[in-house]
Amino acid sequence: MKKLVRDKIPEIIASKWEKCEYFIADDNSYEVSLLAKILEEAIEVSKAENDTELKEEIADLYEVIDAFIKYKNFSHEEILEIQKQKREKKWGFEKKIILTKY
């Protein structure tokens, strides 16, 4: 199993007198792992069974997206500005429109 985990996970495992093996990813592996983690967390969001769980999963998704933004050396302001521009041009998702044919 190769899975990107939060920084303190090996320490937490060791504190329980359990063993784990891990390595520090190179840049390419880290980027691929971050993208896989984004998908994993998005799936977890879709599987949440209640609002409390949903909030936890959304927080995890935000965390990995934040890590990806930092890794790519993007600024949060730049991303938010692009989001704003797209919202002004195409609007958001508040009207709940589901396209059935194009």
PDB file of N, CA and C in Angstrom:
ATOM      1  N   MET A   1       0.851  -1.174   0.000  1.00  0.00           N
ATOM      2  CA  MET A   1       0.000   0.000   0.000  1.00  0.00           C
ATOM      3  C   MET A   1       0.892   1.231   0.000  1.00  0.00           C
ATOM      4  N   LYS A   2       0.695   2.094  -0.965  1.00  0.00           N
ATOM      5  CA  LYS A   2       1.353   3.394  -0.999  1.00  0.00           C
ATOM      6  C   LYS A   2       0.256   4.438  -0.944  1.00  0.00           C
ATOM      7  N   LYS A   3       0.261   5.216   0.127  1.00  0.00           N
ATOM      8  CA  LYS A   3      -0.816   6.180   0.333  1.00  0.00           C
ATOM      9  C   LYS A   3      -0.254   7.413   1.017  1.00  0.00           C
ATOM     10  N   LEU A   4      -0.524   8.560   0.459  1.00  0.00           N
ATOM     11  CA  LEU A   4      -0.129   9.815   1.087  1.00  0.00           C
ATOM     12  C   LEU A   4      -0.929   9.990   2.373  1.00  0.00           C
ATOM     13  N   VAL A   5      -0.219  10.268   3.466  1.00  0.00           N
ATOM     14  CA  VAL A   5      -0.882  10.461   4.758  1.00  0.00           C
ATOM     15  C   VAL A   5      -0.416  11.776   5.368  1.00  0.00           C
ATOM     16  N   ARG A   6      -1.159  12.233   6.343  1.00  0.00           N
ATOM     17  CA  ARG A   6      -0.795  13.457   7.059  1.00  0.00           C
ATOM     18  C   ARG A   6       0.550  13.266   7.767  1.00  0.00           C
ATOM     19  N   ASP A   7       1.249  14.365   7.970  1.00  0.00           N
ATOM     20  CA  ASP A   7       2.626  14.342   8.462  1.00  0.00           C
ATOM     21  C   ASP A   7       2.817  13.623   9.797  1.00  0.00           C
ATOM     22  N   LYS A   8       1.859  13.667  10.665  1.00  0.00           N
ATOM     23  CA  LYS A   8       2.025  13.076  12.001  1.00  0.00           C
ATOM     24  C   LYS A   8       1.583  11.617  12.092  1.00  0.00           C
ATOM     25  N   ILE A   9       1.089  11.046  11.016  1.00  0.00           N
ATOM     26  CA  ILE A   9       0.572   9.677  11.071  1.00  0.00           C
ATOM     27  C   ILE A   9       1.637   8.665  11.509  1.00  0.00           C
ATOM     28  N   PRO A  10       2.853   8.681  10.963  1.00  0.00           N
ATOM     29  CA  PRO A  10       3.854   7.718  11.458  1.00  0.00           C
ATOM     30  C   PRO A  10       4.134   7.875  12.960  1.00  0.00           C
ATOM     31  N   GLU A  11       4.160   9.104  13.433  1.00  0.00           N
ATOM     32  CA  GLU A  11       4.373   9.380  14.853  1.00  0.00           C
ATOM     33  C   GLU A  11       3.213   8.839  15.697  1.00  0.00           C
ATOM     34  N   ILE A  12       1.999   9.022  15.219  1.00  0.00           N
ATOM     35  CA  ILE A  12       0.818   8.525  15.935  1.00  0.00           C
ATOM     36  C   ILE A  12       0.848   7.001  15.996  1.00  0.00           C
ATOM     37  N   ILE A  13       1.195   6.363  14.897  1.00  0.00           N
ATOM     38  CA  ILE A  13       1.287   4.896  14.861  1.00  0.00           C
ATOM     39  C   ILE A  13       2.349   4.419  15.849  1.00  0.00           C
ATOM     40  N   ALA A  14       3.508   5.065  15.858  1.00  0.00           N
ATOM     41  CA  ALA A  14       4.596   4.683  16.771  1.00  0.00           C
ATOM     42  C   ALA A  14       4.197   4.873  18.233  1.00  0.00           C
ATOM     43  N   SER A  15       3.391   5.894  18.517  1.00  0.00           N
ATOM     44  CA  SER A  15       2.969   6.138  19.899  1.00  0.00           C
ATOM     45  C   SER A  15       2.079   5.015  20.426  1.00  0.00           C
ATOM     46  N   LYS A  16       1.524   4.235  19.518  1.00  0.00           N
ATOM     47  CA  LYS A  16       0.683   3.095  19.899  1.00  0.00           C
ATOM     48  C   LYS A  16       1.489   1.794  19.894  1.00  0.00           C
ATOM     49  N   TRP A  17       2.817   1.932  19.833  1.00  0.00           N
ATOM     50  CA  TRP A  17       3.735   0.803  19.827  1.00  0.00           C
ATOM     51  C   TRP A  17       3.518  -0.106  18.612  1.00  0.00           C
ATOM     52  N   GLU A  18       3.046   0.482  17.535  1.00  0.00           N
ATOM     53  CA  GLU A  18       2.875  -0.252  16.288  1.00  0.00           C
ATOM     54  C   GLU A  18       3.942   0.208  15.307  1.00  0.00           C
ATOM     55  N   LYS A  19       4.182  -0.604  14.297  1.00  0.00           N
ATOM     56  CA  LYS A  19       5.204  -0.267  13.320  1.00  0.00           C
ATOM     57  C   LYS A  19       4.567   0.074  11.980  1.00  0.00           C
ATOM     58  N   CYS A  20       5.238   0.943  11.262  1.00  0.00           N
ATOM     59  CA  CYS A  20       4.842   1.237   9.889  1.00  0.00           C
ATOM     60  C   CYS A  20       6.107   1.524   9.096  1.00  0.00           C
ATOM     61  N   GLU A  21       6.003   1.400   7.816  1.00  0.00           N
ATOM     62  CA  GLU A  21       7.095   1.739   6.920  1.00  0.00           C
ATOM     63  C   GLU A  21       6.625   2.866   6.026  1.00  0.00           C
ATOM     64  N   TYR A  22       7.527   3.781   5.726  1.00  0.00           N
ATOM     65  CA  TYR A  22       7.174   4.894   4.860  1.00  0.00           C
ATOM     66  C   TYR A  22       8.433   5.442   4.205  1.00  0.00           C
ATOM     67  N   PHE A  23       8.237   6.279   3.205  1.00  0.00           N
ATOM     68  CA  PHE A  23       9.348   6.982   2.576  1.00  0.00           C
ATOM     69  C   PHE A  23       8.888   8.389   2.253  1.00  0.00           C
ATOM     70  N   ILE A  24       9.836   9.260   2.032  1.00  0.00           N
ATOM     71  CA  ILE A  24       9.545  10.633   1.646  1.00  0.00           C
ATOM     72  C   ILE A  24       9.518  10.687   0.118  1.00  0.00           C
ATOM     73  N   ALA A  25       8.416  11.132  -0.423  1.00  0.00           N
ATOM     74  CA  ALA A  25       8.215  11.137  -1.875  1.00  0.00           C
ATOM     75  C   ALA A  25       9.105  12.164  -2.559  1.00  0.00           C
ATOM     76  N   ASP A  26       9.507  11.836  -3.774  1.00  0.00           N
ATOM     77  CA  ASP A  26      10.149  12.846  -4.611  1.00  0.00           C
ATOM     78  C   ASP A  26       9.035  13.720  -5.192  1.00  0.00           C
ATOM     79  N   ASP A  27       9.412  14.782  -5.886  1.00  0.00           N
ATOM     80  CA  ASP A  27       8.405  15.732  -6.374  1.00  0.00           C
ATOM     81  C   ASP A  27       7.362  15.077  -7.269  1.00  0.00           C
ATOM     82  N   ASN A  28       7.789  14.214  -8.183  1.00  0.00           N
ATOM     83  CA  ASN A  28       6.844  13.586  -9.097  1.00  0.00           C
ATOM     84  C   ASN A  28       5.861  12.689  -8.341  1.00  0.00           C
ATOM     85  N   SER A  29       6.382  11.859  -7.455  1.00  0.00           N
ATOM     86  CA  SER A  29       5.515  10.969  -6.670  1.00  0.00           C
ATOM     87  C   SER A  29       4.568  11.762  -5.776  1.00  0.00           C
ATOM     88  N   TYR A  30       5.076  12.864  -5.224  1.00  0.00           N
ATOM     89  CA  TYR A  30       4.242  13.690  -4.360  1.00  0.00           C
ATOM     90  C   TYR A  30       3.080  14.295  -5.137  1.00  0.00           C
ATOM     91  N   GLU A  31       3.353  14.824  -6.329  1.00  0.00           N
ATOM     92  CA  GLU A  31       2.285  15.419  -7.133  1.00  0.00           C
ATOM     93  C   GLU A  31       1.233  14.378  -7.505  1.00  0.00           C
ATOM     94  N   VAL A  32       1.681  13.217  -7.958  1.00  0.00           N
ATOM     95  CA  VAL A  32       0.756  12.141  -8.317  1.00  0.00           C
ATOM     96  C   VAL A  32      -0.061  11.717  -7.096  1.00  0.00           C
ATOM     97  N   SER A  33       0.603  11.625  -5.940  1.00  0.00           N
ATOM     98  CA  SER A  33      -0.083  11.223  -4.704  1.00  0.00           C
ATOM     99  C   SER A  33      -1.086  12.269  -4.247  1.00  0.00           C
ATOM    100  N   LEU A  34      -0.742  13.536  -4.394  1.00  0.00           N
ATOM    101  CA  LEU A  34      -1.686  14.602  -4.040  1.00  0.00           C
ATOM    102  C   LEU A  34      -2.939  14.533  -4.916  1.00  0.00           C
ATOM    103  N   LEU A  35      -2.746  14.336  -6.208  1.00  0.00           N
ATOM    104  CA  LEU A  35      -3.897  14.242  -7.105  1.00  0.00           C
ATOM    105  C   LEU A  35      -4.763  13.033  -6.757  1.00  0.00           C
ATOM    106  N   ALA A  36      -4.137  11.908  -6.437  1.00  0.00           N
ATOM    107  CA  ALA A  36      -4.889  10.715  -6.031  1.00  0.00           C
ATOM    108  C   ALA A  36      -5.634  10.981  -4.724  1.00  0.00           C
ATOM    109  N   LYS A  37      -4.997  11.710  -3.814  1.00  0.00           N
ATOM    110  CA  LYS A  37      -5.615  12.018  -2.519  1.00  0.00           C
ATOM    111  C   LYS A  37      -6.818  12.951  -2.696  1.00  0.00           C
ATOM    112  N   ILE A  38      -6.721  13.883  -3.640  1.00  0.00           N
ATOM    113  CA  ILE A  38      -7.868  14.755  -3.933  1.00  0.00           C
ATOM    114  C   ILE A  38      -9.070  13.908  -4.364  1.00  0.00           C
ATOM    115  N   LEU A  39      -8.819  12.953  -5.256  1.00  0.00           N
ATOM    116  CA  LEU A  39      -9.907  12.066  -5.697  1.00  0.00           C
ATOM    117  C   LEU A  39     -10.441  11.233  -4.538  1.00  0.00           C
ATOM    118  N   GLU A  40      -9.540  10.692  -3.725  1.00  0.00           N
ATOM    119  CA  GLU A  40      -9.946   9.885  -2.574  1.00  0.00           C
ATOM    120  C   GLU A  40     -10.832  10.697  -1.620  1.00  0.00           C
ATOM    121  N   GLU A  41     -10.412  11.904  -1.326  1.00  0.00           N
ATOM    122  CA  GLU A  41     -11.186  12.739  -0.407  1.00  0.00           C
ATOM    123  C   GLU A  41     -12.519  13.161  -1.019  1.00  0.00           C
ATOM    124  N   ALA A  42     -12.552  13.421  -2.319  1.00  0.00           N
ATOM    125  CA  ALA A  42     -13.817  13.771  -2.978  1.00  0.00           C
ATOM    126  C   ALA A  42     -14.801  12.603  -2.889  1.00  0.00           C
ATOM    127  N   ILE A  43     -14.301  11.394  -3.043  1.00  0.00           N
ATOM    128  CA  ILE A  43     -15.161  10.209  -2.905  1.00  0.00           C
ATOM    129  C   ILE A  43     -15.675  10.098  -1.477  1.00  0.00           C
ATOM    130  N   GLU A  44     -14.805  10.368  -0.503  1.00  0.00           N
ATOM    131  CA  GLU A  44     -15.232  10.335   0.901  1.00  0.00           C
ATOM    132  C   GLU A  44     -16.325  11.373   1.174  1.00  0.00           C
ATOM    133  N   VAL A  45     -16.205  12.546   0.559  1.00  0.00           N
ATOM    134  CA  VAL A  45     -17.254  13.559   0.696  1.00  0.00           C
ATOM    135  C   VAL A  45     -18.576  12.992   0.187  1.00  0.00           C
ATOM    136  N   SER A  46     -18.537  12.323  -0.951  1.00  0.00           N
ATOM    137  CA  SER A  46     -19.774  11.795  -1.537  1.00  0.00           C
ATOM    138  C   SER A  46     -20.381  10.669  -0.711  1.00  0.00           C
ATOM    139  N   LYS A  47     -19.589  10.016   0.125  1.00  0.00           N
ATOM    140  CA  LYS A  47     -20.072   8.898   0.937  1.00  0.00           C
ATOM    141  C   LYS A  47     -20.490   9.309   2.354  1.00  0.00           C
ATOM    142  N   ALA A  48     -20.286  10.549   2.711  1.00  0.00           N
ATOM    143  CA  ALA A  48     -20.623  10.994   4.064  1.00  0.00           C
ATOM    144  C   ALA A  48     -22.097  10.739   4.351  1.00  0.00           C
ATOM    145  N   GLU A  49     -22.375  10.268   5.553  1.00  0.00           N
ATOM    146  CA  GLU A  49     -23.737   9.856   5.902  1.00  0.00           C
ATOM    147  C   GLU A  49     -24.509  10.867   6.727  1.00  0.00           C
ATOM    148  N   ASN A  50     -23.832  11.899   7.217  1.00  0.00           N
ATOM    149  CA  ASN A  50     -24.527  12.928   7.981  1.00  0.00           C
ATOM    150  C   ASN A  50     -23.725  14.226   7.892  1.00  0.00           C
ATOM    151  N   ASP A  51     -24.296  15.307   8.377  1.00  0.00           N
ATOM    152  CA  ASP A  51     -23.646  16.613   8.245  1.00  0.00           C
ATOM    153  C   ASP A  51     -22.315  16.695   8.980  1.00  0.00           C
ATOM    154  N   THR A  52     -22.210  16.062  10.130  1.00  0.00           N
ATOM    155  CA  THR A  52     -20.955  16.088  10.878  1.00  0.00           C
ATOM    156  C   THR A  52     -19.853  15.405  10.083  1.00  0.00           C
ATOM    157  N   GLU A  53     -20.151  14.232   9.558  1.00  0.00           N
ATOM    158  CA  GLU A  53     -19.199  13.492   8.744  1.00  0.00           C
ATOM    159  C   GLU A  53     -18.871  14.273   7.468  1.00  0.00           C
ATOM    160  N   LEU A  54     -19.877  14.873   6.876  1.00  0.00           N
ATOM    161  CA  LEU A  54     -19.680  15.656   5.660  1.00  0.00           C
ATOM    162  C   LEU A  54     -18.711  16.815   5.899  1.00  0.00           C
ATOM    163  N   LYS A  55     -18.881  17.517   7.003  1.00  0.00           N
ATOM    164  CA  LYS A  55     -17.980  18.626   7.338  1.00  0.00           C
ATOM    165  C   LYS A  55     -16.549  18.134   7.518  1.00  0.00           C
ATOM    166  N   GLU A  56     -16.375  16.996   8.179  1.00  0.00           N
ATOM    167  CA  GLU A  56     -15.046  16.416   8.382  1.00  0.00           C
ATOM    168  C   GLU A  56     -14.390  16.087   7.035  1.00  0.00           C
ATOM    169  N   GLU A  57     -15.155  15.492   6.153  1.00  0.00           N
ATOM    170  CA  GLU A  57     -14.611  15.094   4.852  1.00  0.00           C
ATOM    171  C   GLU A  57     -14.302  16.311   3.972  1.00  0.00           C
ATOM    172  N   ILE A  58     -15.154  17.322   4.034  1.00  0.00           N
ATOM    173  CA  ILE A  58     -14.878  18.558   3.297  1.00  0.00           C
ATOM    174  C   ILE A  58     -13.601  19.213   3.825  1.00  0.00           C
ATOM    175  N   ALA A  59     -13.414  19.188   5.141  1.00  0.00           N
ATOM    176  CA  ALA A  59     -12.190  19.736   5.736  1.00  0.00           C
ATOM    177  C   ALA A  59     -10.963  18.978   5.237  1.00  0.00           C
ATOM    178  N   ASP A  60     -11.064  17.650   5.139  1.00  0.00           N
ATOM    179  CA  ASP A  60      -9.951  16.851   4.610  1.00  0.00           C
ATOM    180  C   ASP A  60      -9.668  17.209   3.152  1.00  0.00           C
ATOM    181  N   LEU A  61     -10.733  17.379   2.377  1.00  0.00           N
ATOM    182  CA  LEU A  61     -10.568  17.754   0.977  1.00  0.00           C
ATOM    183  C   LEU A  61      -9.894  19.113   0.857  1.00  0.00           C
ATOM    184  N   TYR A  62     -10.335  20.081   1.660  1.00  0.00           N
ATOM    185  CA  TYR A  62      -9.691  21.402   1.683  1.00  0.00           C
ATOM    186  C   TYR A  62      -8.204  21.280   2.018  1.00  0.00           C
ATOM    187  N   GLU A  63      -7.886  20.433   2.977  1.00  0.00           N
ATOM    188  CA  GLU A  63      -6.491  20.278   3.412  1.00  0.00           C
ATOM    189  C   GLU A  63      -5.598  19.790   2.270  1.00  0.00           C
ATOM    190  N   VAL A  64      -6.069  18.804   1.533  1.00  0.00           N
ATOM    191  CA  VAL A  64      -5.244  18.267   0.449  1.00  0.00           C
ATOM    192  C   VAL A  64      -5.198  19.247  -0.733  1.00  0.00           C
ATOM    193  N   ILE A  65      -6.277  19.956  -0.987  1.00  0.00           N
ATOM    194  CA  ILE A  65      -6.254  20.989  -2.031  1.00  0.00           C
ATOM    195  C   ILE A  65      -5.282  22.097  -1.632  1.00  0.00           C
ATOM    196  N   ASP A  66      -5.289  22.478  -0.378  1.00  0.00           N
ATOM    197  CA  ASP A  66      -4.356  23.482   0.127  1.00  0.00           C
ATOM    198  C   ASP A  66      -2.909  23.018  -0.055  1.00  0.00           C
ATOM    199  N   ALA A  67      -2.641  21.751   0.246  1.00  0.00           N
ATOM    200  CA  ALA A  67      -1.288  21.205   0.058  1.00  0.00           C
ATOM    201  C   ALA A  67      -0.884  21.250  -1.413  1.00  0.00           C
ATOM    202  N   PHE A  68      -1.830  20.949  -2.307  1.00  0.00           N
ATOM    203  CA  PHE A  68      -1.529  20.980  -3.742  1.00  0.00           C
ATOM    204  C   PHE A  68      -1.245  22.408  -4.210  1.00  0.00           C
ATOM    205  N   ILE A  69      -2.027  23.357  -3.733  1.00  0.00           N
ATOM    206  CA  ILE A  69      -1.803  24.769  -4.073  1.00  0.00           C
ATOM    207  C   ILE A  69      -0.410  25.202  -3.627  1.00  0.00           C
ATOM    208  N   LYS A  70      -0.031  24.837  -2.414  1.00  0.00           N
ATOM    209  CA  LYS A  70       1.302  25.178  -1.901  1.00  0.00           C
ATOM    210  C   LYS A  70       2.396  24.501  -2.713  1.00  0.00           C
ATOM    211  N   TYR A  71       2.201  23.214  -3.025  1.00  0.00           N
ATOM    212  CA  TYR A  71       3.193  22.468  -3.806  1.00  0.00           C
ATOM    213  C   TYR A  71       3.440  23.123  -5.176  1.00  0.00           C
ATOM    214  N   LYS A  72       2.364  23.566  -5.810  1.00  0.00           N
ATOM    215  CA  LYS A  72       2.483  24.179  -7.138  1.00  0.00           C
ATOM    216  C   LYS A  72       2.932  25.641  -7.071  1.00  0.00           C
ATOM    217  N   ASN A  73       3.119  26.156  -5.861  1.00  0.00           N
ATOM    218  CA  ASN A  73       3.507  27.553  -5.654  1.00  0.00           C
ATOM    219  C   ASN A  73       2.492  28.533  -6.239  1.00  0.00           C
ATOM    220  N   PHE A  74       1.225  28.147  -6.185  1.00  0.00           N
ATOM    221  CA  PHE A  74       0.149  29.051  -6.555  1.00  0.00           C
ATOM    222  C   PHE A  74      -0.221  29.853  -5.314  1.00  0.00           C
ATOM    223  N   SER A  75      -0.773  31.014  -5.522  1.00  0.00           N
ATOM    224  CA  SER A  75      -1.258  31.760  -4.365  1.00  0.00           C
ATOM    225  C   SER A  75      -2.757  31.506  -4.217  1.00  0.00           C
ATOM    226  N   HIS A  76      -3.214  31.485  -2.978  1.00  0.00           N
ATOM    227  CA  HIS A  76      -4.637  31.320  -2.732  1.00  0.00           C
ATOM    228  C   HIS A  76      -5.415  32.467  -3.369  1.00  0.00           C
ATOM    229  N   GLU A  77      -4.839  33.659  -3.316  1.00  0.00           N
ATOM    230  CA  GLU A  77      -5.505  34.829  -3.893  1.00  0.00           C
ATOM    231  C   GLU A  77      -5.705  34.651  -5.396  1.00  0.00           C
ATOM    232  N   GLU A  78      -4.687  34.096  -6.068  1.00  0.00           N
ATOM    233  CA  GLU A  78      -4.785  33.854  -7.512  1.00  0.00           C
ATOM    234  C   GLU A  78      -5.910  32.859  -7.818  1.00  0.00           C
ATOM    235  N   ILE A  79      -5.973  31.784  -7.046  1.00  0.00           N
ATOM    236  CA  ILE A  79      -7.010  30.772  -7.254  1.00  0.00           C
ATOM    237  C   ILE A  79      -8.394  31.365  -6.996  1.00  0.00           C
ATOM    238  N   LEU A  80      -8.506  32.126  -5.919  1.00  0.00           N
ATOM    239  CA  LEU A  80      -9.804  32.746  -5.605  1.00  0.00           C
ATOM    240  C   LEU A  80     -10.208  33.772  -6.650  1.00  0.00           C
ATOM    241  N   GLU A  81      -9.248  34.478  -7.223  1.00  0.00           N
ATOM    242  CA  GLU A  81      -9.552  35.444  -8.277  1.00  0.00           C
ATOM    243  C   GLU A  81     -10.055  34.729  -9.535  1.00  0.00           C
ATOM    244  N   ILE A  82      -9.432  33.618  -9.887  1.00  0.00           N
ATOM    245  CA  ILE A  82      -9.883  32.826 -11.040  1.00  0.00           C
ATOM    246  C   ILE A  82     -11.298  32.301 -10.778  1.00  0.00           C
ATOM    247  N   GLN A  83     -11.539  31.823  -9.551  1.00  0.00           N
ATOM    248  CA  GLN A  83     -12.878  31.358  -9.180  1.00  0.00           C
ATOM    249  C   GLN A  83     -13.887  32.493  -9.347  1.00  0.00           C
ATOM    250  N   LYS A  84     -13.540  33.677  -8.881  1.00  0.00           N
ATOM    251  CA  LYS A  84     -14.423  34.844  -8.982  1.00  0.00           C
ATOM    252  C   LYS A  84     -14.718  35.179 -10.443  1.00  0.00           C
ATOM    253  N   GLN A  85     -13.678  35.162 -11.279  1.00  0.00           N
ATOM    254  CA  GLN A  85     -13.855  35.467 -12.698  1.00  0.00           C
ATOM    255  C   GLN A  85     -14.773  34.450 -13.368  1.00  0.00           C
ATOM    256  N   LYS A  86     -14.581  33.169 -13.053  1.00  0.00           N
ATOM    257  CA  LYS A  86     -15.437  32.131 -13.629  1.00  0.00           C
ATOM    258  C   LYS A  86     -16.881  32.288 -13.158  1.00  0.00           C
ATOM    259  N   ARG A  87     -17.048  32.645 -11.892  1.00  0.00           N
ATOM    260  CA  ARG A  87     -18.394  32.843 -11.355  1.00  0.00           C
ATOM    261  C   ARG A  87     -19.077  34.017 -12.046  1.00  0.00           C
ATOM    262  N   GLU A  88     -18.322  35.100 -12.293  1.00  0.00           N
ATOM    263  CA  GLU A  88     -18.891  36.264 -12.975  1.00  0.00           C
ATOM    264  C   GLU A  88     -19.254  35.942 -14.420  1.00  0.00           C
ATOM    265  N   LYS A  89     -18.459  35.102 -15.068  1.00  0.00           N
ATOM    266  CA  LYS A  89     -18.693  34.761 -16.471  1.00  0.00           C
ATOM    267  C   LYS A  89     -19.772  33.692 -16.649  1.00  0.00           C
ATOM    268  N   LYS A  90     -19.706  32.644 -15.824  1.00  0.00           N
ATOM    269  CA  LYS A  90     -20.604  31.501 -15.991  1.00  0.00           C
ATOM    270  C   LYS A  90     -21.537  31.287 -14.802  1.00  0.00           C
ATOM    271  N   TRP A  91     -21.388  32.114 -13.789  1.00  0.00           N
ATOM    272  CA  TRP A  91     -22.127  32.004 -12.542  1.00  0.00           C
ATOM    273  C   TRP A  91     -21.692  30.773 -11.771  1.00  0.00           C
ATOM    274  N   GLY A  92     -22.428  30.444 -10.722  1.00  0.00           N
ATOM    275  CA  GLY A  92     -22.059  29.326  -9.861  1.00  0.00           C
ATOM    276  C   GLY A  92     -22.978  28.143 -10.079  1.00  0.00           C
ATOM    277  N   PHE A  93     -23.347  27.491  -9.003  1.00  0.00           N
ATOM    278  CA  PHE A  93     -24.190  26.300  -9.077  1.00  0.00           C
ATOM    279  C   PHE A  93     -25.448  26.428  -8.224  1.00  0.00           C
ATOM    280  N   GLU A  94     -25.766  27.635  -7.802  1.00  0.00           N
ATOM    281  CA  GLU A  94     -26.878  27.858  -6.887  1.00  0.00           C
ATOM    282  C   GLU A  94     -28.249  27.545  -7.478  1.00  0.00           C
ATOM    283  N   LYS A  95     -28.397  27.663  -8.791  1.00  0.00           N
ATOM    284  CA  LYS A  95     -29.709  27.426  -9.412  1.00  0.00           C
ATOM    285  C   LYS A  95     -30.023  25.940  -9.606  1.00  0.00           C
ATOM    286  N   LYS A  96     -29.083  25.081  -9.294  1.00  0.00           N
ATOM    287  CA  LYS A  96     -29.283  23.623  -9.308  1.00  0.00           C
ATOM    288  C   LYS A  96     -29.632  23.084 -10.703  1.00  0.00           C
ATOM    289  N   ILE A  97     -29.084  23.674 -11.734  1.00  0.00           N
ATOM    290  CA  ILE A  97     -29.390  23.283 -13.112  1.00  0.00           C
ATOM    291  C   ILE A  97     -28.681  21.976 -13.459  1.00  0.00           C
ATOM    292  N   ILE A  98     -29.442  20.994 -13.954  1.00  0.00           N
ATOM    293  CA  ILE A  98     -28.901  19.720 -14.412  1.00  0.00           C
ATOM    294  C   ILE A  98     -29.124  19.655 -15.907  1.00  0.00           C
ATOM    295  N   LEU A  99     -28.060  19.645 -16.683  1.00  0.00           N
ATOM    296  CA  LEU A  99     -28.148  19.584 -18.147  1.00  0.00           C
ATOM    297  C   LEU A  99     -28.473  18.154 -18.563  1.00  0.00           C
ATOM    298  N   THR A 100     -29.489  17.982 -19.397  1.00  0.00           N
ATOM    299  CA  THR A 100     -29.906  16.627 -19.816  1.00  0.00           C
ATOM    300  C   THR A 100     -29.552  16.325 -21.272  1.00  0.00           C
ATOM    301  N   LYS A 101     -29.293  17.351 -22.070  1.00  0.00           N
ATOM    302  CA  LYS A 101     -28.936  17.133 -23.465  1.00  0.00           C
ATOM    303  C   LYS A 101     -28.180  18.343 -23.940  1.00  0.00           C
ATOM    304  N   TYR A 102     -27.200  18.121 -24.804  1.00  0.00           N
ATOM    305  CA  TYR A 102     -26.404  19.226 -25.335  1.00  0.00           C
ATOM    306  C   TYR A 102     -26.133  19.008 -26.787  1.00  0.00           C
TER     307      TYR A 102
END
